[in-house]
Amino acid sequence: MADYPAVYALWEHAGPGVALRPSDQPEEVEKKLTRDPDLFLVAEEAGQVVGVIMGAWDGRRGWLHHFAVAEEYRNQGIGTALLLEVEARLKAKGCLKVNLLIRRNNPDAKRLYERLGYQEMSTIIPMGKDL
């Protein structure tokens, strides 16, 4: 949680890929860290948070959330390293498949994920409900 202010600031400036919601407030992020802290990865350069990915595993499927790299650090391999590391950690837990959601107005993210082997699931309809 010591990195929370810097992580939140990175999410705020991540562009169209990250939409902040009530579940991103400190008390909610702390719940995530209680469940599987080893899947919440932060990349730093000279003590500054420059990348973050929040992985989750429900015992059956892995999920990726709020993956962001600071604009001035993009295309340097930081995002790829974060993604591959969280995938390795999910696999070590027994995870066989990982899912994610991409905002339509974020084609850069789509290209990155496709380059790393992710495929669009055209038969899926994303649905959600705020509680």
N, C-alpha and C. Protein backbone atom coordinates (compact mmCIF):
# COMPACT_ATOMS: atom_id res chain seq x y z
N MET A 1 0.82 -1.20 0.00
CA MET A 1 0.00 0.00 0.00
C MET A 1 0.86 1.26 0.00
N ALA A 2 2.13 1.12 0.32
CA ALA A 2 3.00 2.30 0.31
C ALA A 2 3.09 2.91 -1.09
N ASP A 3 2.95 2.06 -2.12
CA ASP A 3 3.01 2.54 -3.51
C ASP A 3 1.67 3.04 -4.04
N TYR A 4 0.61 2.91 -3.23
CA TYR A 4 -0.73 3.23 -3.73
C TYR A 4 -0.84 4.61 -4.36
N PRO A 5 -0.40 5.70 -3.72
CA PRO A 5 -0.56 7.02 -4.35
C PRO A 5 0.10 7.09 -5.74
N ALA A 6 1.28 6.52 -5.88
CA ALA A 6 1.97 6.55 -7.18
C ALA A 6 1.27 5.66 -8.20
N VAL A 7 0.78 4.51 -7.75
CA VAL A 7 0.05 3.61 -8.65
C VAL A 7 -1.23 4.28 -9.13
N TYR A 8 -1.97 4.89 -8.21
CA TYR A 8 -3.21 5.57 -8.57
C TYR A 8 -2.93 6.70 -9.56
N ALA A 9 -1.88 7.45 -9.32
CA ALA A 9 -1.52 8.54 -10.24
C ALA A 9 -1.18 7.99 -11.62
N LEU A 10 -0.49 6.87 -11.67
CA LEU A 10 -0.19 6.25 -12.97
C LEU A 10 -1.48 5.84 -13.67
N TRP A 11 -2.40 5.22 -12.94
CA TRP A 11 -3.69 4.84 -13.52
C TRP A 11 -4.43 6.07 -14.05
N GLU A 12 -4.39 7.16 -13.28
CA GLU A 12 -5.09 8.39 -13.70
C GLU A 12 -4.58 8.92 -15.03
N HIS A 13 -3.31 8.72 -15.30
CA HIS A 13 -2.69 9.26 -16.51
C HIS A 13 -2.40 8.20 -17.56
N ALA A 14 -2.99 7.03 -17.41
CA ALA A 14 -2.70 5.91 -18.31
C ALA A 14 -3.35 6.06 -19.67
N GLY A 15 -4.27 6.97 -19.82
CA GLY A 15 -4.97 7.11 -21.10
C GLY A 15 -6.27 6.34 -21.08
N PRO A 16 -6.75 5.96 -22.25
CA PRO A 16 -8.08 5.36 -22.34
C PRO A 16 -8.17 3.93 -21.79
N GLY A 17 -7.07 3.33 -21.43
CA GLY A 17 -7.10 1.93 -21.01
C GLY A 17 -7.57 1.68 -19.59
N VAL A 18 -7.50 2.67 -18.73
CA VAL A 18 -7.86 2.46 -17.33
C VAL A 18 -8.92 3.47 -16.93
N ALA A 19 -10.05 2.95 -16.51
CA ALA A 19 -11.13 3.80 -15.98
C ALA A 19 -11.21 3.56 -14.48
N LEU A 20 -11.02 4.60 -13.71
CA LEU A 20 -11.02 4.46 -12.27
C LEU A 20 -12.44 4.49 -11.73
N ARG A 21 -12.66 3.60 -10.77
CA ARG A 21 -13.99 3.43 -10.19
C ARG A 21 -13.87 3.31 -8.68
N PRO A 22 -14.96 3.20 -7.95
CA PRO A 22 -14.88 3.07 -6.49
C PRO A 22 -14.02 1.88 -6.04
N SER A 23 -13.93 0.83 -6.83
CA SER A 23 -13.11 -0.33 -6.45
C SER A 23 -11.62 -0.04 -6.49
N ASP A 24 -11.24 1.16 -6.92
CA ASP A 24 -9.82 1.53 -6.97
C ASP A 24 -9.41 2.41 -5.79
N GLN A 25 -10.31 2.62 -4.85
CA GLN A 25 -10.00 3.39 -3.66
C GLN A 25 -9.11 2.55 -2.73
N PRO A 26 -8.35 3.19 -1.85
CA PRO A 26 -7.36 2.47 -1.04
C PRO A 26 -7.91 1.24 -0.31
N GLU A 27 -9.05 1.37 0.33
CA GLU A 27 -9.58 0.24 1.09
C GLU A 27 -9.93 -0.95 0.20
N GLU A 28 -10.32 -0.68 -1.03
CA GLU A 28 -10.66 -1.76 -1.97
C GLU A 28 -9.39 -2.40 -2.53
N VAL A 29 -8.39 -1.60 -2.84
CA VAL A 29 -7.12 -2.15 -3.33
C VAL A 29 -6.46 -2.98 -2.22
N GLU A 30 -6.61 -2.53 -0.99
CA GLU A 30 -6.04 -3.29 0.13
C GLU A 30 -6.68 -4.68 0.23
N LYS A 31 -7.97 -4.79 -0.06
CA LYS A 31 -8.63 -6.11 -0.09
C LYS A 31 -7.97 -7.00 -1.13
N LYS A 32 -7.67 -6.43 -2.29
CA LYS A 32 -7.02 -7.19 -3.36
C LYS A 32 -5.66 -7.69 -2.89
N LEU A 33 -4.91 -6.84 -2.22
CA LEU A 33 -3.58 -7.21 -1.74
C LEU A 33 -3.64 -8.29 -0.66
N THR A 34 -4.75 -8.36 0.07
CA THR A 34 -4.92 -9.40 1.07
C THR A 34 -5.14 -10.75 0.41
N ARG A 35 -5.84 -10.76 -0.72
CA ARG A 35 -6.19 -12.02 -1.39
C ARG A 35 -5.00 -12.65 -2.12
N ASP A 36 -4.37 -11.95 -3.01
CA ASP A 36 -3.21 -12.50 -3.73
C ASP A 36 -2.23 -11.39 -4.08
N PRO A 37 -1.47 -10.95 -3.08
CA PRO A 37 -0.54 -9.84 -3.29
C PRO A 37 0.55 -10.15 -4.31
N ASP A 38 0.86 -11.41 -4.52
CA ASP A 38 1.91 -11.81 -5.46
C ASP A 38 1.52 -11.57 -6.91
N LEU A 39 0.26 -11.23 -7.16
CA LEU A 39 -0.20 -10.98 -8.52
C LEU A 39 -0.37 -9.48 -8.81
N PHE A 40 -0.04 -8.63 -7.86
CA PHE A 40 -0.12 -7.18 -8.04
C PHE A 40 1.32 -6.70 -8.19
N LEU A 41 1.73 -6.44 -9.42
CA LEU A 41 3.13 -6.12 -9.70
C LEU A 41 3.31 -4.66 -10.05
N VAL A 42 4.40 -4.09 -9.56
CA VAL A 42 4.76 -2.71 -9.81
C VAL A 42 6.18 -2.66 -10.34
N ALA A 43 6.39 -1.92 -11.43
CA ALA A 43 7.74 -1.70 -11.97
C ALA A 43 8.17 -0.30 -11.56
N GLU A 44 9.42 -0.19 -11.11
CA GLU A 44 9.96 1.10 -10.71
C GLU A 44 11.25 1.40 -11.46
N GLU A 45 11.47 2.67 -11.68
CA GLU A 45 12.72 3.17 -12.27
C GLU A 45 13.18 4.31 -11.37
N ALA A 46 14.34 4.15 -10.76
CA ALA A 46 14.89 5.16 -9.85
C ALA A 46 13.88 5.56 -8.77
N GLY A 47 13.17 4.56 -8.23
CA GLY A 47 12.21 4.81 -7.16
C GLY A 47 10.87 5.34 -7.60
N GLN A 48 10.68 5.55 -8.90
CA GLN A 48 9.41 6.06 -9.44
C GLN A 48 8.62 4.91 -10.04
N VAL A 49 7.32 4.82 -9.71
CA VAL A 49 6.45 3.79 -10.28
C VAL A 49 6.23 4.12 -11.76
N VAL A 50 6.62 3.18 -12.63
CA VAL A 50 6.49 3.40 -14.08
C VAL A 50 5.59 2.37 -14.75
N GLY A 51 5.19 1.33 -14.02
CA GLY A 51 4.31 0.32 -14.59
C GLY A 51 3.61 -0.45 -13.49
N VAL A 52 2.44 -0.97 -13.82
CA VAL A 52 1.66 -1.74 -12.85
C VAL A 52 0.75 -2.70 -13.59
N ILE A 53 0.54 -3.86 -13.00
CA ILE A 53 -0.45 -4.82 -13.49
C ILE A 53 -1.06 -5.51 -12.27
N MET A 54 -2.36 -5.67 -12.29
CA MET A 54 -3.06 -6.32 -11.21
C MET A 54 -3.64 -7.63 -11.76
N GLY A 55 -3.04 -8.74 -11.35
CA GLY A 55 -3.55 -10.04 -11.73
C GLY A 55 -4.48 -10.57 -10.65
N ALA A 56 -5.36 -11.47 -11.05
CA ALA A 56 -6.27 -12.09 -10.10
C ALA A 56 -6.48 -13.54 -10.52
N TRP A 57 -6.74 -14.38 -9.54
CA TRP A 57 -7.03 -15.79 -9.84
C TRP A 57 -8.14 -16.24 -8.92
N ASP A 58 -9.21 -16.77 -9.52
CA ASP A 58 -10.35 -17.21 -8.73
C ASP A 58 -10.33 -18.71 -8.47
N GLY A 59 -9.22 -19.36 -8.81
CA GLY A 59 -9.11 -20.80 -8.64
C GLY A 59 -9.40 -21.56 -9.92
N ARG A 60 -9.91 -20.87 -10.92
CA ARG A 60 -10.22 -21.47 -12.22
C ARG A 60 -9.64 -20.65 -13.37
N ARG A 61 -9.90 -19.35 -13.38
CA ARG A 61 -9.43 -18.47 -14.43
C ARG A 61 -8.60 -17.34 -13.84
N GLY A 62 -7.63 -16.91 -14.63
CA GLY A 62 -6.87 -15.73 -14.26
C GLY A 62 -7.48 -14.52 -14.94
N TRP A 63 -7.28 -13.38 -14.33
CA TRP A 63 -7.77 -12.12 -14.89
C TRP A 63 -6.69 -11.08 -14.76
N LEU A 64 -6.63 -10.18 -15.73
CA LEU A 64 -5.70 -9.05 -15.70
C LEU A 64 -6.51 -7.77 -15.60
N HIS A 65 -6.08 -6.88 -14.72
CA HIS A 65 -6.77 -5.62 -14.50
C HIS A 65 -5.76 -4.48 -14.42
N HIS A 66 -6.17 -3.32 -14.84
CA HIS A 66 -5.44 -2.06 -14.63
C HIS A 66 -3.95 -2.17 -14.97
N PHE A 67 -3.68 -2.66 -16.15
CA PHE A 67 -2.32 -2.79 -16.67
C PHE A 67 -1.95 -1.46 -17.30
N ALA A 68 -0.90 -0.83 -16.81
CA ALA A 68 -0.51 0.48 -17.33
C ALA A 68 0.99 0.68 -17.21
N VAL A 69 1.53 1.39 -18.19
CA VAL A 69 2.93 1.82 -18.16
C VAL A 69 2.92 3.32 -18.45
N ALA A 70 3.70 4.05 -17.68
CA ALA A 70 3.80 5.49 -17.89
C ALA A 70 4.20 5.77 -19.34
N GLU A 71 3.59 6.76 -19.93
CA GLU A 71 3.76 7.04 -21.36
C GLU A 71 5.23 7.14 -21.77
N GLU A 72 6.04 7.83 -20.99
CA GLU A 72 7.44 8.02 -21.36
C GLU A 72 8.28 6.75 -21.21
N TYR A 73 7.70 5.68 -20.65
CA TYR A 73 8.41 4.41 -20.49
C TYR A 73 7.85 3.31 -21.39
N ARG A 74 6.90 3.64 -22.24
CA ARG A 74 6.32 2.63 -23.12
C ARG A 74 7.29 2.25 -24.23
N ASN A 75 7.07 1.08 -24.78
CA ASN A 75 7.89 0.52 -25.87
C ASN A 75 9.34 0.29 -25.45
N GLN A 76 9.53 -0.02 -24.17
CA GLN A 76 10.86 -0.34 -23.66
C GLN A 76 10.90 -1.75 -23.06
N GLY A 77 9.78 -2.48 -23.16
CA GLY A 77 9.73 -3.84 -22.64
C GLY A 77 9.20 -3.97 -21.22
N ILE A 78 8.90 -2.86 -20.58
CA ILE A 78 8.41 -2.90 -19.20
C ILE A 78 7.05 -3.60 -19.12
N GLY A 79 6.15 -3.21 -20.00
CA GLY A 79 4.83 -3.82 -20.00
C GLY A 79 4.89 -5.30 -20.32
N THR A 80 5.69 -5.67 -21.30
CA THR A 80 5.83 -7.08 -21.65
C THR A 80 6.39 -7.86 -20.47
N ALA A 81 7.39 -7.31 -19.79
CA ALA A 81 7.97 -7.99 -18.63
C ALA A 81 6.94 -8.17 -17.51
N LEU A 82 6.14 -7.14 -17.24
CA LEU A 82 5.10 -7.25 -16.22
C LEU A 82 4.08 -8.31 -16.60
N LEU A 83 3.64 -8.29 -17.84
CA LEU A 83 2.62 -9.23 -18.29
C LEU A 83 3.14 -10.66 -18.24
N LEU A 84 4.34 -10.90 -18.73
CA LEU A 84 4.89 -12.25 -18.72
C LEU A 84 5.12 -12.76 -17.29
N GLU A 85 5.51 -11.86 -16.40
CA GLU A 85 5.72 -12.27 -15.01
C GLU A 85 4.40 -12.64 -14.33
N VAL A 86 3.36 -11.85 -14.54
CA VAL A 86 2.08 -12.20 -13.90
C VAL A 86 1.52 -13.47 -14.52
N GLU A 87 1.73 -13.69 -15.82
CA GLU A 87 1.31 -14.95 -16.44
C GLU A 87 2.04 -16.13 -15.80
N ALA A 88 3.34 -16.00 -15.59
CA ALA A 88 4.13 -17.08 -14.98
C ALA A 88 3.63 -17.37 -13.56
N ARG A 89 3.30 -16.33 -12.83
CA ARG A 89 2.80 -16.53 -11.47
C ARG A 89 1.42 -17.19 -11.46
N LEU A 90 0.57 -16.80 -12.41
CA LEU A 90 -0.73 -17.45 -12.53
C LEU A 90 -0.56 -18.93 -12.89
N LYS A 91 0.31 -19.20 -13.83
CA LYS A 91 0.56 -20.59 -14.24
C LYS A 91 1.07 -21.42 -13.07
N ALA A 92 1.94 -20.85 -12.25
CA ALA A 92 2.47 -21.56 -11.08
C ALA A 92 1.38 -21.91 -10.08
N LYS A 93 0.29 -21.15 -10.08
CA LYS A 93 -0.84 -21.43 -9.20
C LYS A 93 -1.76 -22.51 -9.77
N GLY A 94 -1.51 -22.91 -11.03
CA GLY A 94 -2.36 -23.90 -11.67
C GLY A 94 -3.34 -23.31 -12.66
N CYS A 95 -3.22 -22.05 -12.93
CA CYS A 95 -4.13 -21.36 -13.86
C CYS A 95 -3.84 -21.82 -15.29
N LEU A 96 -4.89 -22.18 -16.02
CA LEU A 96 -4.76 -22.65 -17.39
C LEU A 96 -5.17 -21.61 -18.43
N LYS A 97 -5.92 -20.58 -18.01
CA LYS A 97 -6.39 -19.57 -18.96
C LYS A 97 -6.51 -18.23 -18.25
N VAL A 98 -6.10 -17.20 -18.96
CA VAL A 98 -6.20 -15.85 -18.40
C VAL A 98 -7.06 -14.99 -19.32
N ASN A 99 -7.91 -14.18 -18.73
CA ASN A 99 -8.82 -13.31 -19.46
C ASN A 99 -8.55 -11.85 -19.11
N LEU A 100 -8.99 -10.97 -19.99
CA LEU A 100 -8.89 -9.54 -19.74
C LEU A 100 -9.93 -8.83 -20.59
N LEU A 101 -10.17 -7.60 -20.25
CA LEU A 101 -11.08 -6.75 -21.01
C LEU A 101 -10.30 -5.54 -21.49
N ILE A 102 -10.53 -5.15 -22.74
CA ILE A 102 -9.87 -3.98 -23.32
C ILE A 102 -10.95 -2.99 -23.74
N ARG A 103 -10.72 -1.73 -23.46
CA ARG A 103 -11.64 -0.70 -23.93
C ARG A 103 -11.47 -0.52 -25.43
N ARG A 104 -12.57 -0.34 -26.13
CA ARG A 104 -12.53 -0.22 -27.60
C ARG A 104 -11.68 0.96 -28.07
N ASN A 105 -11.57 1.99 -27.25
CA ASN A 105 -10.80 3.17 -27.64
C ASN A 105 -9.32 3.05 -27.26
N ASN A 106 -8.83 1.80 -27.10
CA ASN A 106 -7.44 1.58 -26.73
C ASN A 106 -6.79 0.56 -27.67
N PRO A 107 -6.60 0.94 -28.94
CA PRO A 107 -6.03 -0.01 -29.91
C PRO A 107 -4.59 -0.40 -29.60
N ASP A 108 -3.83 0.44 -28.91
CA ASP A 108 -2.46 0.08 -28.55
C ASP A 108 -2.44 -1.14 -27.64
N ALA A 109 -3.35 -1.19 -26.69
CA ALA A 109 -3.43 -2.35 -25.79
C ALA A 109 -3.78 -3.60 -26.58
N LYS A 110 -4.72 -3.48 -27.49
CA LYS A 110 -5.13 -4.64 -28.30
C LYS A 110 -3.94 -5.18 -29.08
N ARG A 111 -3.16 -4.29 -29.69
CA ARG A 111 -1.98 -4.72 -30.44
C ARG A 111 -0.96 -5.42 -29.54
N LEU A 112 -0.73 -4.89 -28.36
CA LEU A 112 0.21 -5.51 -27.42
C LEU A 112 -0.26 -6.92 -27.05
N TYR A 113 -1.50 -7.04 -26.66
CA TYR A 113 -2.01 -8.35 -26.26
C TYR A 113 -1.98 -9.34 -27.42
N GLU A 114 -2.34 -8.91 -28.60
CA GLU A 114 -2.30 -9.80 -29.76
C GLU A 114 -0.87 -10.25 -30.04
N ARG A 115 0.08 -9.34 -29.92
CA ARG A 115 1.49 -9.69 -30.14
C ARG A 115 1.95 -10.75 -29.15
N LEU A 116 1.36 -10.75 -27.96
CA LEU A 116 1.76 -11.69 -26.92
C LEU A 116 0.86 -12.92 -26.87
N GLY A 117 0.05 -13.13 -27.92
CA GLY A 117 -0.71 -14.37 -28.05
C GLY A 117 -2.15 -14.34 -27.61
N TYR A 118 -2.65 -13.20 -27.18
CA TYR A 118 -4.06 -13.11 -26.77
C TYR A 118 -4.93 -13.01 -28.01
N GLN A 119 -6.13 -13.59 -27.92
CA GLN A 119 -7.07 -13.57 -29.05
C GLN A 119 -8.40 -13.00 -28.59
N GLU A 120 -9.03 -12.28 -29.51
CA GLU A 120 -10.35 -11.74 -29.23
C GLU A 120 -11.34 -12.88 -29.09
N MET A 121 -12.17 -12.81 -28.07
CA MET A 121 -13.20 -13.83 -27.83
C MET A 121 -14.52 -13.29 -28.38
N SER A 122 -14.74 -13.47 -29.66
CA SER A 122 -15.86 -12.84 -30.34
C SER A 122 -17.22 -13.40 -29.91
N THR A 123 -17.24 -14.53 -29.25
CA THR A 123 -18.52 -15.10 -28.84
C THR A 123 -18.92 -14.66 -27.42
N ILE A 124 -18.11 -13.83 -26.82
CA ILE A 124 -18.36 -13.37 -25.44
C ILE A 124 -19.02 -12.00 -25.45
N ILE A 125 -19.99 -11.83 -24.60
CA ILE A 125 -20.64 -10.53 -24.39
C ILE A 125 -20.27 -10.08 -22.98
N PRO A 126 -19.44 -9.05 -22.84
CA PRO A 126 -19.10 -8.60 -21.49
C PRO A 126 -20.32 -7.99 -20.81
N MET A 127 -20.51 -8.36 -19.57
CA MET A 127 -21.62 -7.84 -18.79
C MET A 127 -21.10 -7.51 -17.40
N GLY A 128 -21.74 -6.59 -16.72
CA GLY A 128 -21.34 -6.22 -15.38
C GLY A 128 -22.50 -5.60 -14.62
N LYS A 129 -22.31 -5.48 -13.33
CA LYS A 129 -23.32 -4.88 -12.47
C LYS A 129 -22.62 -4.24 -11.28
N ASP A 130 -22.88 -2.98 -11.04
CA ASP A 130 -22.34 -2.31 -9.86
C ASP A 130 -23.17 -2.74 -8.65
N LEU A 131 -22.48 -3.06 -7.58
CA LEU A 131 -23.18 -3.47 -6.35
C LEU A 131 -23.15 -2.37 -5.32
